[in-house]
Amino acid sequence: MNEDKIKGQWKQIVGKVKEKWGKLTDDDLKVAEGNSDYVAGKIQERYGIAKDEAKKQVEDFNRDL
């Protein structure tokens, strides 16, 4: 799914994001509003993983939507 579509359906997708990355807060997701780079940065921060790995996880998640 492309970034524009994700932004358009963000409210429906938030639940799936919370299931996958439970450490992300409601505030994180509210600020993100479908911005994949922001989500990847927060995943990196919350889970202590490398930026490339966080970005890969988000890309894989987007592809599976």
PDB file of N, CA and C in Angstrom:
ATOM      1  N   MET A   1       0.861  -1.173   0.000  1.00  0.00           N
ATOM      2  CA  MET A   1       0.000   0.000   0.000  1.00  0.00           C
ATOM      3  C   MET A   1       0.906   1.234   0.000  1.00  0.00           C
ATOM      4  N   ASN A   2       0.573   2.216  -0.811  1.00  0.00           N
ATOM      5  CA  ASN A   2       1.434   3.385  -0.876  1.00  0.00           C
ATOM      6  C   ASN A   2       1.114   4.378   0.256  1.00  0.00           C
ATOM      7  N   GLU A   3       2.049   5.287   0.444  1.00  0.00           N
ATOM      8  CA  GLU A   3       1.975   6.242   1.556  1.00  0.00           C
ATOM      9  C   GLU A   3       0.690   7.078   1.530  1.00  0.00           C
ATOM     10  N   ASP A   4       0.249   7.527   0.348  1.00  0.00           N
ATOM     11  CA  ASP A   4      -0.967   8.337   0.249  1.00  0.00           C
ATOM     12  C   ASP A   4      -2.191   7.553   0.708  1.00  0.00           C
ATOM     13  N   LYS A   5      -2.259   6.299   0.310  1.00  0.00           N
ATOM     14  CA  LYS A   5      -3.385   5.454   0.706  1.00  0.00           C
ATOM     15  C   LYS A   5      -3.372   5.202   2.218  1.00  0.00           C
ATOM     16  N   ILE A   6      -2.180   5.000   2.753  1.00  0.00           N
ATOM     17  CA  ILE A   6      -2.039   4.774   4.197  1.00  0.00           C
ATOM     18  C   ILE A   6      -2.518   6.000   4.961  1.00  0.00           C
ATOM     19  N   LYS A   7      -2.104   7.175   4.517  1.00  0.00           N
ATOM     20  CA  LYS A   7      -2.541   8.407   5.185  1.00  0.00           C
ATOM     21  C   LYS A   7      -4.063   8.549   5.130  1.00  0.00           C
ATOM     22  N   GLY A   8      -4.654   8.176   4.012  1.00  0.00           N
ATOM     23  CA  GLY A   8      -6.099   8.276   3.847  1.00  0.00           C
ATOM     24  C   GLY A   8      -6.869   7.306   4.728  1.00  0.00           C
ATOM     25  N   GLN A   9      -6.270   6.168   5.017  1.00  0.00           N
ATOM     26  CA  GLN A   9      -6.943   5.141   5.817  1.00  0.00           C
ATOM     27  C   GLN A   9      -6.310   4.983   7.197  1.00  0.00           C
ATOM     28  N   TRP A  10      -5.597   5.996   7.639  1.00  0.00           N
ATOM     29  CA  TRP A  10      -4.813   5.910   8.873  1.00  0.00           C
ATOM     30  C   TRP A  10      -5.643   5.468  10.076  1.00  0.00           C
ATOM     31  N   LYS A  11      -6.831   6.005  10.225  1.00  0.00           N
ATOM     32  CA  LYS A  11      -7.639   5.667  11.406  1.00  0.00           C
ATOM     33  C   LYS A  11      -7.973   4.182  11.456  1.00  0.00           C
ATOM     34  N   GLN A  12      -8.172   3.558  10.296  1.00  0.00           N
ATOM     35  CA  GLN A  12      -8.462   2.128  10.259  1.00  0.00           C
ATOM     36  C   GLN A  12      -7.194   1.305  10.499  1.00  0.00           C
ATOM     37  N   ILE A  13      -6.060   1.814  10.083  1.00  0.00           N
ATOM     38  CA  ILE A  13      -4.796   1.090  10.170  1.00  0.00           C
ATOM     39  C   ILE A  13      -4.191   1.147  11.577  1.00  0.00           C
ATOM     40  N   VAL A  14      -4.509   2.175  12.337  1.00  0.00           N
ATOM     41  CA  VAL A  14      -3.923   2.367  13.665  1.00  0.00           C
ATOM     42  C   VAL A  14      -4.055   1.116  14.539  1.00  0.00           C
ATOM     43  N   GLY A  15      -5.178   0.450  14.495  1.00  0.00           N
ATOM     44  CA  GLY A  15      -5.372  -0.757  15.301  1.00  0.00           C
ATOM     45  C   GLY A  15      -4.371  -1.840  14.962  1.00  0.00           C
ATOM     46  N   LYS A  16      -4.103  -2.017  13.676  1.00  0.00           N
ATOM     47  CA  LYS A  16      -3.126  -3.016  13.237  1.00  0.00           C
ATOM     48  C   LYS A  16      -1.714  -2.619  13.663  1.00  0.00           C
ATOM     49  N   VAL A  17      -1.433  -1.322  13.607  1.00  0.00           N
ATOM     50  CA  VAL A  17      -0.122  -0.830  14.031  1.00  0.00           C
ATOM     51  C   VAL A  17       0.063  -1.107  15.526  1.00  0.00           C
ATOM     52  N   LYS A  18      -0.977  -0.844  16.314  1.00  0.00           N
ATOM     53  CA  LYS A  18      -0.902  -1.090  17.763  1.00  0.00           C
ATOM     54  C   LYS A  18      -0.689  -2.565  18.074  1.00  0.00           C
ATOM     55  N   GLU A  19      -1.314  -3.452  17.292  1.00  0.00           N
ATOM     56  CA  GLU A  19      -1.131  -4.886  17.498  1.00  0.00           C
ATOM     57  C   GLU A  19       0.318  -5.287  17.251  1.00  0.00           C
ATOM     58  N   LYS A  20       0.896  -4.760  16.199  1.00  0.00           N
ATOM     59  CA  LYS A  20       2.261  -5.138  15.823  1.00  0.00           C
ATOM     60  C   LYS A  20       3.302  -4.487  16.720  1.00  0.00           C
ATOM     61  N   TRP A  21       3.127  -3.214  17.023  1.00  0.00           N
ATOM     62  CA  TRP A  21       4.097  -2.470  17.825  1.00  0.00           C
ATOM     63  C   TRP A  21       3.386  -1.856  19.030  1.00  0.00           C
ATOM     64  N   GLY A  22       3.144  -2.663  20.013  1.00  0.00           N
ATOM     65  CA  GLY A  22       2.393  -2.260  21.203  1.00  0.00           C
ATOM     66  C   GLY A  22       3.042  -1.179  22.042  1.00  0.00           C
ATOM     67  N   LYS A  23       4.338  -0.976  21.865  1.00  0.00           N
ATOM     68  CA  LYS A  23       5.026   0.057  22.658  1.00  0.00           C
ATOM     69  C   LYS A  23       4.785   1.473  22.130  1.00  0.00           C
ATOM     70  N   LEU A  24       4.200   1.572  20.944  1.00  0.00           N
ATOM     71  CA  LEU A  24       3.875   2.900  20.414  1.00  0.00           C
ATOM     72  C   LEU A  24       2.638   3.420  21.131  1.00  0.00           C
ATOM     73  N   THR A  25       2.681   4.665  21.522  1.00  0.00           N
ATOM     74  CA  THR A  25       1.567   5.249  22.263  1.00  0.00           C
ATOM     75  C   THR A  25       0.528   5.837  21.310  1.00  0.00           C
ATOM     76  N   ASP A  26      -0.634   6.111  21.869  1.00  0.00           N
ATOM     77  CA  ASP A  26      -1.683   6.771  21.074  1.00  0.00           C
ATOM     78  C   ASP A  26      -1.187   8.121  20.569  1.00  0.00           C
ATOM     79  N   ASP A  27      -0.425   8.821  21.407  1.00  0.00           N
ATOM     80  CA  ASP A  27       0.120  10.114  20.995  1.00  0.00           C
ATOM     81  C   ASP A  27       1.084   9.961  19.822  1.00  0.00           C
ATOM     82  N   ASP A  28       1.933   8.930  19.869  1.00  0.00           N
ATOM     83  CA  ASP A  28       2.855   8.669  18.754  1.00  0.00           C
ATOM     84  C   ASP A  28       2.076   8.505  17.460  1.00  0.00           C
ATOM     85  N   LEU A  29       1.027   7.715  17.524  1.00  0.00           N
ATOM     86  CA  LEU A  29       0.255   7.408  16.323  1.00  0.00           C
ATOM     87  C   LEU A  29      -0.572   8.594  15.855  1.00  0.00           C
ATOM     88  N   LYS A  30      -1.012   9.416  16.791  1.00  0.00           N
ATOM     89  CA  LYS A  30      -1.768  10.609  16.424  1.00  0.00           C
ATOM     90  C   LYS A  30      -0.865  11.588  15.671  1.00  0.00           C
ATOM     91  N   VAL A  31       0.346  11.749  16.163  1.00  0.00           N
ATOM     92  CA  VAL A  31       1.296  12.652  15.511  1.00  0.00           C
ATOM     93  C   VAL A  31       1.724  12.087  14.159  1.00  0.00           C
ATOM     94  N   ALA A  32       1.883  10.773  14.076  1.00  0.00           N
ATOM     95  CA  ALA A  32       2.366  10.134  12.841  1.00  0.00           C
ATOM     96  C   ALA A  32       1.443  10.385  11.666  1.00  0.00           C
ATOM     97  N   GLU A  33       0.132  10.241  11.874  1.00  0.00           N
ATOM     98  CA  GLU A  33      -0.862  10.437  10.803  1.00  0.00           C
ATOM     99  C   GLU A  33      -0.445   9.778   9.497  1.00  0.00           C
ATOM    100  N   GLY A  34       0.107   8.567   9.580  1.00  0.00           N
ATOM    101  CA  GLY A  34       0.446   7.814   8.389  1.00  0.00           C
ATOM    102  C   GLY A  34       1.836   8.065   7.834  1.00  0.00           C
ATOM    103  N   ASN A  35       2.638   8.871   8.508  1.00  0.00           N
ATOM    104  CA  ASN A  35       3.995   9.161   8.055  1.00  0.00           C
ATOM    105  C   ASN A  35       4.910   7.993   8.411  1.00  0.00           C
ATOM    106  N   SER A  36       5.305   7.221   7.421  1.00  0.00           N
ATOM    107  CA  SER A  36       6.096   6.011   7.635  1.00  0.00           C
ATOM    108  C   SER A  36       7.448   6.295   8.277  1.00  0.00           C
ATOM    109  N   ASP A  37       8.078   7.398   7.891  1.00  0.00           N
ATOM    110  CA  ASP A  37       9.382   7.728   8.475  1.00  0.00           C
ATOM    111  C   ASP A  37       9.254   8.027   9.964  1.00  0.00           C
ATOM    112  N   TYR A  38       8.201   8.732  10.337  1.00  0.00           N
ATOM    113  CA  TYR A  38       7.974   9.039  11.753  1.00  0.00           C
ATOM    114  C   TYR A  38       7.720   7.751  12.537  1.00  0.00           C
ATOM    115  N   VAL A  39       6.891   6.872  11.984  1.00  0.00           N
ATOM    116  CA  VAL A  39       6.586   5.602  12.652  1.00  0.00           C
ATOM    117  C   VAL A  39       7.866   4.790  12.814  1.00  0.00           C
ATOM    118  N   ALA A  40       8.678   4.718  11.765  1.00  0.00           N
ATOM    119  CA  ALA A  40       9.941   3.979  11.836  1.00  0.00           C
ATOM    120  C   ALA A  40      10.850   4.559  12.909  1.00  0.00           C
ATOM    121  N   GLY A  41      10.901   5.874  13.013  1.00  0.00           N
ATOM    122  CA  GLY A  41      11.714   6.525  14.041  1.00  0.00           C
ATOM    123  C   GLY A  41      11.239   6.182  15.439  1.00  0.00           C
ATOM    124  N   LYS A  42       9.939   6.155  15.633  1.00  0.00           N
ATOM    125  CA  LYS A  42       9.389   5.812  16.944  1.00  0.00           C
ATOM    126  C   LYS A  42       9.615   4.340  17.276  1.00  0.00           C
ATOM    127  N   ILE A  43       9.525   3.471  16.269  1.00  0.00           N
ATOM    128  CA  ILE A  43       9.805   2.050  16.493  1.00  0.00           C
ATOM    129  C   ILE A  43      11.266   1.892  16.895  1.00  0.00           C
ATOM    130  N   GLN A  44      12.141   2.588  16.200  1.00  0.00           N
ATOM    131  CA  GLN A  44      13.571   2.549  16.525  1.00  0.00           C
ATOM    132  C   GLN A  44      13.796   2.988  17.974  1.00  0.00           C
ATOM    133  N   GLU A  45      13.164   4.065  18.359  1.00  0.00           N
ATOM    134  CA  GLU A  45      13.307   4.619  19.703  1.00  0.00           C
ATOM    135  C   GLU A  45      12.741   3.680  20.772  1.00  0.00           C
ATOM    136  N   ARG A  46      11.530   3.197  20.574  1.00  0.00           N
ATOM    137  CA  ARG A  46      10.844   2.379  21.589  1.00  0.00           C
ATOM    138  C   ARG A  46      11.431   0.976  21.730  1.00  0.00           C
ATOM    139  N   TYR A  47      11.882   0.404  20.608  1.00  0.00           N
ATOM    140  CA  TYR A  47      12.350  -0.979  20.622  1.00  0.00           C
ATOM    141  C   TYR A  47      13.868  -1.096  20.612  1.00  0.00           C
ATOM    142  N   GLY A  48      14.565   0.026  20.474  1.00  0.00           N
ATOM    143  CA  GLY A  48      16.022   0.013  20.507  1.00  0.00           C
ATOM    144  C   GLY A  48      16.652  -0.773  19.363  1.00  0.00           C
ATOM    145  N   ILE A  49      16.092  -0.627  18.182  1.00  0.00           N
ATOM    146  CA  ILE A  49      16.633  -1.328  17.019  1.00  0.00           C
ATOM    147  C   ILE A  49      17.234  -0.312  16.046  1.00  0.00           C
ATOM    148  N   ALA A  50      17.996  -0.820  15.097  1.00  0.00           N
ATOM    149  CA  ALA A  50      18.642   0.048  14.109  1.00  0.00           C
ATOM    150  C   ALA A  50      17.602   0.710  13.209  1.00  0.00           C
ATOM    151  N   LYS A  51      17.965   1.883  12.711  1.00  0.00           N
ATOM    152  CA  LYS A  51      17.064   2.641  11.843  1.00  0.00           C
ATOM    153  C   LYS A  51      16.671   1.831  10.607  1.00  0.00           C
ATOM    154  N   ASP A  52      17.647   1.166   9.996  1.00  0.00           N
ATOM    155  CA  ASP A  52      17.363   0.371   8.800  1.00  0.00           C
ATOM    156  C   ASP A  52      16.384  -0.752   9.095  1.00  0.00           C
ATOM    157  N   GLU A  53      16.537  -1.399  10.237  1.00  0.00           N
ATOM    158  CA  GLU A  53      15.636  -2.494  10.616  1.00  0.00           C
ATOM    159  C   GLU A  53      14.225  -1.958  10.869  1.00  0.00           C
ATOM    160  N   ALA A  54      14.109  -0.829  11.551  1.00  0.00           N
ATOM    161  CA  ALA A  54      12.799  -0.232  11.815  1.00  0.00           C
ATOM    162  C   ALA A  54      12.111   0.135  10.495  1.00  0.00           C
ATOM    163  N   LYS A  55      12.879   0.716   9.588  1.00  0.00           N
ATOM    164  CA  LYS A  55      12.321   1.107   8.288  1.00  0.00           C
ATOM    165  C   LYS A  55      11.873  -0.129   7.505  1.00  0.00           C
ATOM    166  N   LYS A  56      12.652  -1.204   7.561  1.00  0.00           N
ATOM    167  CA  LYS A  56      12.301  -2.445   6.884  1.00  0.00           C
ATOM    168  C   LYS A  56      11.007  -3.027   7.450  1.00  0.00           C
ATOM    169  N   GLN A  57      10.877  -2.997   8.774  1.00  0.00           N
ATOM    170  CA  GLN A  57       9.659  -3.508   9.406  1.00  0.00           C
ATOM    171  C   GLN A  57       8.426  -2.733   8.925  1.00  0.00           C
ATOM    172  N   VAL A  58       8.546  -1.414   8.845  1.00  0.00           N
ATOM    173  CA  VAL A  58       7.433  -0.576   8.396  1.00  0.00           C
ATOM    174  C   VAL A  58       7.116  -0.863   6.930  1.00  0.00           C
ATOM    175  N   GLU A  59       8.144  -0.997   6.106  1.00  0.00           N
ATOM    176  CA  GLU A  59       7.912  -1.300   4.691  1.00  0.00           C
ATOM    177  C   GLU A  59       7.226  -2.657   4.522  1.00  0.00           C
ATOM    178  N   ASP A  60       7.677  -3.652   5.294  1.00  0.00           N
ATOM    179  CA  ASP A  60       7.050  -4.974   5.238  1.00  0.00           C
ATOM    180  C   ASP A  60       5.588  -4.905   5.696  1.00  0.00           C
ATOM    181  N   PHE A  61       5.346  -4.147   6.752  1.00  0.00           N
ATOM    182  CA  PHE A  61       3.980  -3.966   7.267  1.00  0.00           C
ATOM    183  C   PHE A  61       3.098  -3.316   6.197  1.00  0.00           C
ATOM    184  N   ASN A  62       3.602  -2.269   5.562  1.00  0.00           N
ATOM    185  CA  ASN A  62       2.843  -1.563   4.522  1.00  0.00           C
ATOM    186  C   ASN A  62       2.534  -2.486   3.345  1.00  0.00           C
ATOM    187  N   ARG A  63       3.473  -3.301   2.989  1.00  0.00           N
ATOM    188  CA  ARG A  63       3.297  -4.214   1.858  1.00  0.00           C
ATOM    189  C   ARG A  63       2.222  -5.254   2.172  1.00  0.00           C
ATOM    190  N   ASP A  64       2.122  -5.668   3.432  1.00  0.00           N
ATOM    191  CA  ASP A  64       1.169  -6.690   3.830  1.00  0.00           C
ATOM    192  C   ASP A  64      -0.254  -6.163   4.028  1.00  0.00           C
ATOM    193  N   LEU A  65      -0.425  -4.854   4.010  1.00  0.00           N
ATOM    194  CA  LEU A  65      -1.761  -4.282   4.213  1.00  0.00           C
ATOM    195  C   LEU A  65      -2.675  -4.583   3.051  1.00  0.00           C
TER     196      LEU A  65
END
